[in-house]
Amino acid sequence: MSRAYPENCPFCRLMRSLAFTGVGMGLGGGVAYLLGASKENIMMSGIFVAAVIVFGLMGKK
């Protein structure tokens, strides 16, 4: 069987990156919140974890 859409199309990569960015923000921000960080540090840790997930894990192929 052939698929209707290729797995590695640019739109698919964009949507995967957006999904992993949301997961990274949730994980990083949630852990920082549980540790009692300030709002600025919660946002910064969320951005850092999202960047690590998107650029670190997705770029390994």
PDB file of N, CA and C in Angstrom:
ATOM      1  N   MET A   1       0.832  -1.187   0.000  1.00  0.00           N
ATOM      2  CA  MET A   1       0.000   0.000   0.000  1.00  0.00           C
ATOM      3  C   MET A   1       0.873   1.245   0.000  1.00  0.00           C
ATOM      4  N   SER A   2       0.453   2.225  -0.720  1.00  0.00           N
ATOM      5  CA  SER A   2       1.182   3.488  -0.708  1.00  0.00           C
ATOM      6  C   SER A   2       0.414   4.498   0.130  1.00  0.00           C
ATOM      7  N   ARG A   3       1.148   5.394   0.737  1.00  0.00           N
ATOM      8  CA  ARG A   3       0.523   6.428   1.556  1.00  0.00           C
ATOM      9  C   ARG A   3       0.164   7.611   0.679  1.00  0.00           C
ATOM     10  N   ALA A   4      -0.852   8.325   1.098  1.00  0.00           N
ATOM     11  CA  ALA A   4      -1.291   9.483   0.338  1.00  0.00           C
ATOM     12  C   ALA A   4      -0.326  10.653   0.493  1.00  0.00           C
ATOM     13  N   TYR A   5       0.352  10.729   1.650  1.00  0.00           N
ATOM     14  CA  TYR A   5       1.277  11.827   1.935  1.00  0.00           C
ATOM     15  C   TYR A   5       2.625  11.256   2.338  1.00  0.00           C
ATOM     16  N   PRO A   6       3.683  11.883   1.899  1.00  0.00           N
ATOM     17  CA  PRO A   6       5.006  11.408   2.346  1.00  0.00           C
ATOM     18  C   PRO A   6       5.218  11.713   3.823  1.00  0.00           C
ATOM     19  N   GLU A   7       6.004  10.897   4.494  1.00  0.00           N
ATOM     20  CA  GLU A   7       6.212  11.073   5.932  1.00  0.00           C
ATOM     21  C   GLU A   7       7.082  12.275   6.257  1.00  0.00           C
ATOM     22  N   ASN A   8       7.947  12.663   5.362  1.00  0.00           N
ATOM     23  CA  ASN A   8       8.915  13.701   5.673  1.00  0.00           C
ATOM     24  C   ASN A   8       8.652  14.988   4.884  1.00  0.00           C
ATOM     25  N   CYS A   9       7.415  15.298   4.637  1.00  0.00           N
ATOM     26  CA  CYS A   9       7.094  16.526   3.911  1.00  0.00           C
ATOM     27  C   CYS A   9       7.337  17.737   4.821  1.00  0.00           C
ATOM     28  N   PRO A  10       7.573  18.919   4.265  1.00  0.00           N
ATOM     29  CA  PRO A  10       7.852  20.087   5.103  1.00  0.00           C
ATOM     30  C   PRO A  10       6.730  20.419   6.083  1.00  0.00           C
ATOM     31  N   PHE A  11       5.488  20.271   5.667  1.00  0.00           N
ATOM     32  CA  PHE A  11       4.368  20.562   6.559  1.00  0.00           C
ATOM     33  C   PHE A  11       4.325  19.581   7.724  1.00  0.00           C
ATOM     34  N   CYS A  12       4.629  18.305   7.448  1.00  0.00           N
ATOM     35  CA  CYS A  12       4.651  17.302   8.521  1.00  0.00           C
ATOM     36  C   CYS A  12       5.755  17.604   9.518  1.00  0.00           C
ATOM     37  N   ARG A  13       6.921  18.024   9.033  1.00  0.00           N
ATOM     38  CA  ARG A  13       8.013  18.373   9.940  1.00  0.00           C
ATOM     39  C   ARG A  13       7.650  19.581  10.787  1.00  0.00           C
ATOM     40  N   LEU A  14       6.984  20.566  10.187  1.00  0.00           N
ATOM     41  CA  LEU A  14       6.553  21.751  10.938  1.00  0.00           C
ATOM     42  C   LEU A  14       5.578  21.368  12.036  1.00  0.00           C
ATOM     43  N   MET A  15       4.604  20.537  11.720  1.00  0.00           N
ATOM     44  CA  MET A  15       3.612  20.148  12.716  1.00  0.00           C
ATOM     45  C   MET A  15       4.239  19.320  13.836  1.00  0.00           C
ATOM     46  N   ARG A  16       5.196  18.452  13.507  1.00  0.00           N
ATOM     47  CA  ARG A  16       5.893  17.693  14.545  1.00  0.00           C
ATOM     48  C   ARG A  16       6.691  18.626  15.446  1.00  0.00           C
ATOM     49  N   SER A  17       7.349  19.611  14.859  1.00  0.00           N
ATOM     50  CA  SER A  17       8.124  20.565  15.656  1.00  0.00           C
ATOM     51  C   SER A  17       7.232  21.358  16.593  1.00  0.00           C
ATOM     52  N   LEU A  18       6.065  21.771  16.104  1.00  0.00           N
ATOM     53  CA  LEU A  18       5.128  22.506  16.957  1.00  0.00           C
ATOM     54  C   LEU A  18       4.621  21.634  18.103  1.00  0.00           C
ATOM     55  N   ALA A  19       4.365  20.376  17.813  1.00  0.00           N
ATOM     56  CA  ALA A  19       3.887  19.473  18.863  1.00  0.00           C
ATOM     57  C   ALA A  19       4.960  19.256  19.923  1.00  0.00           C
ATOM     58  N   PHE A  20       6.201  19.028  19.491  1.00  0.00           N
ATOM     59  CA  PHE A  20       7.275  18.819  20.454  1.00  0.00           C
ATOM     60  C   PHE A  20       7.611  20.098  21.203  1.00  0.00           C
ATOM     61  N   THR A  21       7.403  21.256  20.587  1.00  0.00           N
ATOM     62  CA  THR A  21       7.602  22.516  21.291  1.00  0.00           C
ATOM     63  C   THR A  21       6.600  22.653  22.430  1.00  0.00           C
ATOM     64  N   GLY A  22       5.357  22.295  22.190  1.00  0.00           N
ATOM     65  CA  GLY A  22       4.338  22.345  23.236  1.00  0.00           C
ATOM     66  C   GLY A  22       4.636  21.378  24.361  1.00  0.00           C
ATOM     67  N   VAL A  23       5.094  20.190  24.023  1.00  0.00           N
ATOM     68  CA  VAL A  23       5.450  19.203  25.046  1.00  0.00           C
ATOM     69  C   VAL A  23       6.632  19.705  25.866  1.00  0.00           C
ATOM     70  N   GLY A  24       7.624  20.276  25.195  1.00  0.00           N
ATOM     71  CA  GLY A  24       8.794  20.797  25.904  1.00  0.00           C
ATOM     72  C   GLY A  24       8.450  21.951  26.826  1.00  0.00           C
ATOM     73  N   MET A  25       7.586  22.854  26.360  1.00  0.00           N
ATOM     74  CA  MET A  25       7.170  23.965  27.211  1.00  0.00           C
ATOM     75  C   MET A  25       6.406  23.449  28.423  1.00  0.00           C
ATOM     76  N   GLY A  26       5.569  22.457  28.227  1.00  0.00           N
ATOM     77  CA  GLY A  26       4.813  21.891  29.339  1.00  0.00           C
ATOM     78  C   GLY A  26       5.711  21.208  30.356  1.00  0.00           C
ATOM     79  N   LEU A  27       6.664  20.424  29.870  1.00  0.00           N
ATOM     80  CA  LEU A  27       7.563  19.724  30.785  1.00  0.00           C
ATOM     81  C   LEU A  27       8.481  20.694  31.519  1.00  0.00           C
ATOM     82  N   GLY A  28       9.127  21.567  30.772  1.00  0.00           N
ATOM     83  CA  GLY A  28      10.067  22.496  31.400  1.00  0.00           C
ATOM     84  C   GLY A  28       9.389  23.467  32.344  1.00  0.00           C
ATOM     85  N   GLY A  29       8.281  24.030  31.908  1.00  0.00           N
ATOM     86  CA  GLY A  29       7.552  24.959  32.758  1.00  0.00           C
ATOM     87  C   GLY A  29       6.934  24.286  33.964  1.00  0.00           C
ATOM     88  N   GLY A  30       6.440  23.079  33.772  1.00  0.00           N
ATOM     89  CA  GLY A  30       5.818  22.351  34.879  1.00  0.00           C
ATOM     90  C   GLY A  30       6.815  21.983  35.963  1.00  0.00           C
ATOM     91  N   VAL A  31       7.977  21.514  35.560  1.00  0.00           N
ATOM     92  CA  VAL A  31       9.002  21.165  36.547  1.00  0.00           C
ATOM     93  C   VAL A  31       9.481  22.413  37.276  1.00  0.00           C
ATOM     94  N   ALA A  32       9.692  23.506  36.541  1.00  0.00           N
ATOM     95  CA  ALA A  32      10.136  24.751  37.182  1.00  0.00           C
ATOM     96  C   ALA A  32       9.066  25.277  38.136  1.00  0.00           C
ATOM     97  N   TYR A  33       7.800  25.154  37.747  1.00  0.00           N
ATOM     98  CA  TYR A  33       6.706  25.591  38.627  1.00  0.00           C
ATOM     99  C   TYR A  33       6.672  24.771  39.905  1.00  0.00           C
ATOM    100  N   LEU A  34       6.853  23.459  39.770  1.00  0.00           N
ATOM    101  CA  LEU A  34       6.842  22.593  40.951  1.00  0.00           C
ATOM    102  C   LEU A  34       8.025  22.869  41.872  1.00  0.00           C
ATOM    103  N   LEU A  35       9.120  23.348  41.293  1.00  0.00           N
ATOM    104  CA  LEU A  35      10.288  23.684  42.106  1.00  0.00           C
ATOM    105  C   LEU A  35      10.195  25.084  42.710  1.00  0.00           C
ATOM    106  N   GLY A  36       9.137  25.831  42.397  1.00  0.00           N
ATOM    107  CA  GLY A  36       8.918  27.141  42.987  1.00  0.00           C
ATOM    108  C   GLY A  36       9.651  28.275  42.298  1.00  0.00           C
ATOM    109  N   ALA A  37       9.882  28.172  41.010  1.00  0.00           N
ATOM    110  CA  ALA A  37      10.604  29.208  40.276  1.00  0.00           C
ATOM    111  C   ALA A  37       9.701  30.415  40.019  1.00  0.00           C
ATOM    112  N   SER A  38      10.327  31.538  39.681  1.00  0.00           N
ATOM    113  CA  SER A  38       9.557  32.731  39.332  1.00  0.00           C
ATOM    114  C   SER A  38       8.981  32.572  37.923  1.00  0.00           C
ATOM    115  N   LYS A  39       8.085  33.479  37.544  1.00  0.00           N
ATOM    116  CA  LYS A  39       7.445  33.388  36.230  1.00  0.00           C
ATOM    117  C   LYS A  39       8.456  33.474  35.096  1.00  0.00           C
ATOM    118  N   GLU A  40       9.453  34.346  35.259  1.00  0.00           N
ATOM    119  CA  GLU A  40      10.469  34.489  34.217  1.00  0.00           C
ATOM    120  C   GLU A  40      11.282  33.210  34.061  1.00  0.00           C
ATOM    121  N   ASN A  41      11.645  32.611  35.183  1.00  0.00           N
ATOM    122  CA  ASN A  41      12.425  31.374  35.125  1.00  0.00           C
ATOM    123  C   ASN A  41      11.599  30.205  34.606  1.00  0.00           C
ATOM    124  N   ILE A  42      10.309  30.206  34.879  1.00  0.00           N
ATOM    125  CA  ILE A  42       9.434  29.157  34.333  1.00  0.00           C
ATOM    126  C   ILE A  42       9.415  29.235  32.816  1.00  0.00           C
ATOM    127  N   MET A  43       9.269  30.449  32.283  1.00  0.00           N
ATOM    128  CA  MET A  43       9.250  30.614  30.827  1.00  0.00           C
ATOM    129  C   MET A  43      10.598  30.258  30.206  1.00  0.00           C
ATOM    130  N   MET A  44      11.670  30.680  30.830  1.00  0.00           N
ATOM    131  CA  MET A  44      13.000  30.389  30.282  1.00  0.00           C
ATOM    132  C   MET A  44      13.305  28.893  30.300  1.00  0.00           C
ATOM    133  N   SER A  45      12.932  28.207  31.358  1.00  0.00           N
ATOM    134  CA  SER A  45      13.183  26.762  31.395  1.00  0.00           C
ATOM    135  C   SER A  45      12.304  26.036  30.382  1.00  0.00           C
ATOM    136  N   GLY A  46      11.082  26.508  30.182  1.00  0.00           N
ATOM    137  CA  GLY A  46      10.221  25.908  29.160  1.00  0.00           C
ATOM    138  C   GLY A  46      10.789  26.086  27.766  1.00  0.00           C
ATOM    139  N   ILE A  47      11.289  27.285  27.474  1.00  0.00           N
ATOM    140  CA  ILE A  47      11.887  27.544  26.160  1.00  0.00           C
ATOM    141  C   ILE A  47      13.137  26.687  25.964  1.00  0.00           C
ATOM    142  N   PHE A  48      13.949  26.562  27.006  1.00  0.00           N
ATOM    143  CA  PHE A  48      15.172  25.762  26.900  1.00  0.00           C
ATOM    144  C   PHE A  48      14.854  24.290  26.639  1.00  0.00           C
ATOM    145  N   VAL A  49      13.926  23.733  27.395  1.00  0.00           N
ATOM    146  CA  VAL A  49      13.576  22.316  27.215  1.00  0.00           C
ATOM    147  C   VAL A  49      12.947  22.094  25.843  1.00  0.00           C
ATOM    148  N   ALA A  50      12.116  23.021  25.382  1.00  0.00           N
ATOM    149  CA  ALA A  50      11.521  22.891  24.047  1.00  0.00           C
ATOM    150  C   ALA A  50      12.595  22.921  22.972  1.00  0.00           C
ATOM    151  N   ALA A  51      13.575  23.802  23.104  1.00  0.00           N
ATOM    152  CA  ALA A  51      14.653  23.866  22.117  1.00  0.00           C
ATOM    153  C   ALA A  51      15.485  22.596  22.120  1.00  0.00           C
ATOM    154  N   VAL A  52      15.752  22.047  23.305  1.00  0.00           N
ATOM    155  CA  VAL A  52      16.515  20.801  23.379  1.00  0.00           C
ATOM    156  C   VAL A  52      15.758  19.675  22.701  1.00  0.00           C
ATOM    157  N   ILE A  53      14.467  19.588  22.930  1.00  0.00           N
ATOM    158  CA  ILE A  53      13.682  18.515  22.316  1.00  0.00           C
ATOM    159  C   ILE A  53      13.631  18.676  20.803  1.00  0.00           C
ATOM    160  N   VAL A  54      13.333  19.886  20.323  1.00  0.00           N
ATOM    161  CA  VAL A  54      13.165  20.081  18.886  1.00  0.00           C
ATOM    162  C   VAL A  54      14.489  19.949  18.147  1.00  0.00           C
ATOM    163  N   PHE A  55      15.524  20.657  18.610  1.00  0.00           N
ATOM    164  CA  PHE A  55      16.772  20.665  17.881  1.00  0.00           C
ATOM    165  C   PHE A  55      17.687  19.485  18.246  1.00  0.00           C
ATOM    166  N   GLY A  56      17.562  18.979  19.442  1.00  0.00           N
ATOM    167  CA  GLY A  56      18.401  17.878  19.863  1.00  0.00           C
ATOM    168  C   GLY A  56      17.890  16.521  19.442  1.00  0.00           C
ATOM    169  N   LEU A  57      16.641  16.253  19.726  1.00  0.00           N
ATOM    170  CA  LEU A  57      16.101  14.926  19.455  1.00  0.00           C
ATOM    171  C   LEU A  57      15.588  14.749  18.040  1.00  0.00           C
ATOM    172  N   MET A  58      14.993  15.778  17.476  1.00  0.00           N
ATOM    173  CA  MET A  58      14.420  15.629  16.142  1.00  0.00           C
ATOM    174  C   MET A  58      15.478  15.717  15.056  1.00  0.00           C
ATOM    175  N   GLY A  59      16.602  16.353  15.332  1.00  0.00           N
ATOM    176  CA  GLY A  59      17.640  16.508  14.315  1.00  0.00           C
ATOM    177  C   GLY A  59      18.606  15.340  14.229  1.00  0.00           C
ATOM    178  N   LYS A  60      18.355  14.260  14.954  1.00  0.00           N
ATOM    179  CA  LYS A  60      19.286  13.138  14.994  1.00  0.00           C
ATOM    180  C   LYS A  60      19.195  12.234  13.767  1.00  0.00           C
ATOM    181  N   LYS A  61      18.192  12.370  12.938  1.00  0.00           N
ATOM    182  CA  LYS A  61      18.036  11.453  11.804  1.00  0.00           C
ATOM    183  C   LYS A  61      19.009  11.747  10.741  1.00  0.00           C
TER     184      LYS A  61
END
